[in-house]
Amino acid sequence: MQEVLEYVRKKMPSLVDEKNGRIHLGEFRTDRLLYVTSEEFIDFFEHVICYVLILEEFRKMKNGKDVQRE
């Protein structure tokens, strides 16, 4: 898991919360309704998409290395 975190940190440092060393995709306020047009939702959705794309890139990179070892 640490290897994934380091890869995400290299690709998009804003996704890593340095205080606790975890991926941070966003926050939602609980004192108002959430709409798909709200800034919080748009930021969260953008971060989720970026995170998934980075994970897919990491997976392909690791699978490529594993294939070369055989």
Protein backbone atom coordinates (compact mmCIF):
# COMPACT_ATOMS: atom_id res chain seq x y z
CA MET A 1 0.00 0.00 0.00
CA GLN A 2 2.89 2.38 0.72
CA GLU A 3 4.11 1.91 -2.84
CA VAL A 4 0.72 2.98 -4.19
CA LEU A 5 0.69 6.01 -1.89
CA GLU A 6 4.14 7.06 -3.10
CA TYR A 7 3.06 6.66 -6.71
CA VAL A 8 -0.06 8.78 -6.16
CA ARG A 9 2.05 11.37 -4.32
CA LYS A 10 4.39 11.55 -7.33
CA LYS A 11 1.58 11.80 -9.90
CA MET A 12 -0.84 14.10 -8.04
CA PRO A 13 0.41 15.28 -4.64
CA SER A 14 -2.82 17.12 -3.88
CA LEU A 15 -4.58 13.77 -3.39
CA VAL A 16 -2.37 12.83 -0.44
CA ASP A 17 -3.12 14.20 3.02
CA GLU A 18 0.36 14.57 4.48
CA LYS A 19 -0.97 14.84 8.05
CA ASN A 20 -2.16 11.24 8.12
CA GLY A 21 -0.54 9.77 5.01
CA ARG A 22 -3.82 8.81 3.37
CA ILE A 23 -5.60 9.57 0.13
CA HIS A 24 -7.99 12.50 0.50
CA LEU A 25 -10.66 12.84 -2.17
CA GLY A 26 -12.66 15.66 -0.63
CA GLU A 27 -15.07 16.76 2.06
CA PHE A 28 -18.77 17.35 2.16
CA ARG A 29 -20.57 19.76 4.44
CA THR A 30 -23.40 18.23 6.41
CA ASP A 31 -25.26 21.45 7.10
CA ARG A 32 -26.66 21.87 3.59
CA LEU A 33 -27.94 19.85 0.64
CA LEU A 34 -25.45 18.45 -1.80
CA TYR A 35 -26.03 19.00 -5.50
CA VAL A 36 -24.09 17.61 -8.45
CA THR A 37 -23.39 21.21 -9.42
CA SER A 38 -21.91 22.10 -6.03
CA GLU A 39 -18.19 22.84 -5.86
CA GLU A 40 -17.63 20.12 -3.25
CA PHE A 41 -19.22 17.46 -5.47
CA ILE A 42 -17.35 18.57 -8.59
CA ASP A 43 -14.02 18.55 -6.72
CA PHE A 44 -14.74 15.13 -5.23
CA PHE A 45 -15.78 13.63 -8.55
CA GLU A 46 -12.70 15.07 -10.28
CA HIS A 47 -10.45 13.63 -7.56
CA VAL A 48 -12.09 10.21 -7.80
CA ILE A 49 -11.57 10.12 -11.57
CA CYS A 50 -7.93 11.19 -11.24
CA TYR A 51 -7.32 8.64 -8.49
CA VAL A 52 -8.82 5.79 -10.52
CA LEU A 53 -6.74 6.73 -13.57
CA ILE A 54 -3.57 6.87 -11.45
CA LEU A 55 -4.36 3.48 -9.91
CA GLU A 56 -4.94 2.00 -13.36
CA GLU A 57 -1.61 3.41 -14.54
CA PHE A 58 0.08 1.95 -11.46
CA ARG A 59 -1.53 -1.44 -12.05
CA LYS A 60 -0.39 -1.50 -15.67
CA MET A 61 3.11 -0.49 -14.65
CA LYS A 62 3.29 -3.25 -12.01
CA ASN A 63 1.83 -5.87 -14.35
CA GLY A 64 4.34 -4.88 -17.03
CA LYS A 65 7.21 -5.33 -14.58
CA ASP A 66 5.81 -8.67 -13.43
CA VAL A 67 5.58 -9.92 -17.02
CA GLN A 68 9.18 -8.86 -17.75
CA ARG A 69 10.46 -10.82 -14.74
CA GLU A 70 9.08 -14.13 -16.03
